[in-house]
Protein backbone atom coordinates (compact mmCIF):
# COMPACT_ATOMS: atom_id res chain seq x y z
CA MET A 1 -0.06 -0.03 -0.06
CA LYS A 2 1.46 3.34 -0.92
CA ASP A 3 0.14 6.97 -0.13
CA SER A 4 -3.28 5.79 1.04
CA LYS A 5 -5.68 7.55 3.28
CA VAL A 6 -7.88 6.20 6.03
CA VAL A 7 -10.66 8.00 8.03
CA TYR A 8 -11.36 6.44 11.47
CA VAL A 9 -14.66 7.11 13.09
CA ASP A 10 -15.86 5.50 16.31
CA ALA A 11 -19.49 6.68 16.65
CA ASN A 12 -19.90 5.01 20.08
CA MET A 13 -16.96 6.80 21.62
CA GLY A 14 -17.38 10.11 19.68
CA SER A 15 -13.82 9.83 18.30
CA SER A 16 -12.57 10.35 14.84
CA PHE A 17 -9.36 11.19 12.98
CA ASP A 18 -7.91 10.68 9.57
CA THR A 19 -4.52 9.66 8.32
CA ARG A 20 -2.77 10.27 5.05
CA ASN A 21 0.34 9.11 3.37
CA ILE A 22 -0.12 5.65 4.74
CA ASN A 23 2.64 3.35 3.39
CA ILE A 24 2.92 -0.33 4.23
CA ASP A 25 5.85 -2.25 2.96
CA VAL A 26 6.07 -6.04 3.51
CA PRO A 27 8.78 -7.26 1.14
CA ARG A 28 8.48 -10.87 2.36
CA LEU A 29 5.69 -12.42 4.30
CA TYR A 30 6.40 -15.88 5.60
CA LEU A 31 4.01 -17.92 7.83
CA LYS A 32 6.65 -20.52 8.56
CA GLY A 33 10.37 -20.79 7.77
CA ASP A 34 12.12 -17.50 7.04
CA ALA A 35 11.95 -14.04 8.62
CA THR A 36 9.23 -11.55 7.84
CA ASN A 37 9.81 -7.75 7.76
CA ALA A 38 7.29 -4.90 7.70
CA ASP A 39 7.55 -1.14 7.60
CA ILE A 40 4.50 1.04 8.18
CA SER A 41 4.34 4.88 8.20
CA MET A 42 1.46 7.29 8.37
CA ASP A 43 0.87 10.93 8.84
CA PHE A 44 -2.07 12.14 10.90
CA SER A 45 -4.12 15.11 9.50
CA ASP A 46 -3.07 17.33 12.31
CA LYS A 47 0.72 17.00 11.73
CA GLY A 48 1.41 13.92 13.77
CA LYS A 49 3.33 10.94 12.38
CA MET A 50 3.85 7.30 13.22
CA VAL A 51 6.60 5.02 11.82
CA LEU A 52 6.88 1.29 12.75
CA LYS A 53 9.59 -1.05 11.53
CA ALA A 54 9.35 -4.74 12.51
CA ALA A 55 11.07 -7.96 11.88
CA TYR A 56 10.09 -11.52 13.04
CA ASP A 57 11.94 -14.75 12.55
CA ILE A 58 9.40 -17.44 12.78
CA GLN A 59 11.71 -20.30 13.20
CA LYS A 60 13.79 -18.80 15.95
CA GLY A 61 10.97 -16.65 17.49
CA ASP A 62 13.19 -13.53 17.42
CA PHE A 63 11.57 -10.20 17.00
CA ASP A 64 12.83 -6.64 16.58
CA GLY A 65 10.58 -3.65 16.54
CA ASP A 66 10.93 0.08 16.49
CA LEU A 67 7.94 2.41 16.92
CA GLN A 68 8.30 6.22 16.61
CA LEU A 69 5.36 8.58 17.35
CA SER A 70 5.60 12.31 16.93
CA GLN A 71 3.21 15.21 17.45
CA PHE A 72 0.27 12.84 17.96
CA GLN A 73 -2.62 15.01 19.22
CA ILE A 74 -3.96 13.69 22.51
CA LYS A 75 -7.46 14.99 21.67
CA ASP A 76 -7.75 12.26 19.07
CA ILE A 77 -7.82 9.67 21.93
CA GLN A 78 -9.52 11.84 24.55
CA PRO A 79 -12.79 9.84 24.68
CA TYR A 80 -10.82 6.57 25.37
CA LEU A 81 -8.86 8.15 28.11
CA GLU A 82 -12.01 9.48 29.78
CA ASN A 83 -13.78 6.17 29.45
CA PHE A 84 -11.14 3.57 30.14
CA MET A 85 -8.71 5.30 32.49
CA ASN A 86 -11.07 7.77 34.28
CA ILE A 87 -9.01 10.72 33.08
CA GLY A 88 -10.59 14.07 32.63
CA ARG A 89 -9.62 16.65 29.98
CA MET A 90 -6.24 16.53 28.55
CA SER A 91 -4.53 18.36 25.62
CA GLY A 92 -1.23 18.60 23.96
CA VAL A 93 0.91 16.17 21.87
CA ALA A 94 2.50 12.89 22.50
CA ASN A 95 5.99 11.94 21.30
CA GLY A 96 7.69 8.65 21.90
CA HIS A 97 10.15 6.13 20.74
CA LEU A 98 9.69 2.46 21.63
CA LYS A 99 12.29 -0.28 20.68
CA ALA A 100 11.52 -3.92 21.53
CA LYS A 101 13.82 -6.86 20.78
CA GLY A 102 13.80 -10.36 22.01
CA CYS A 103 12.49 -13.86 21.52
CA VAL A 104 8.79 -14.97 21.96
CA LYS A 105 10.09 -18.26 23.21
CA HIS A 106 11.35 -16.56 26.40
CA ILE A 107 8.20 -14.56 27.22
CA THR A 108 6.50 -15.70 30.43
């Protein structure tokens, strides 16, 4: 998928936002045997951006992931924060970088 757009609407929660420039690159997808890689990136309509790079070796169980979130508007998830976490009004942006590497065979 290249340069796509998705509009997300959750009528029950009163939440909506749209994304643009969605790019998903999965050069090799294996359900058994070799390793699978995936790169996903998207821009949010209000200047935010998400980039995910992931690799998984099915035989060994090794995984390696890198998620970057920048300028994500908190207002886009405000209804979920209020409902699930008993949090009142919040505003601002979220930025973060999460790296995860390991082996699923060692997760307890």
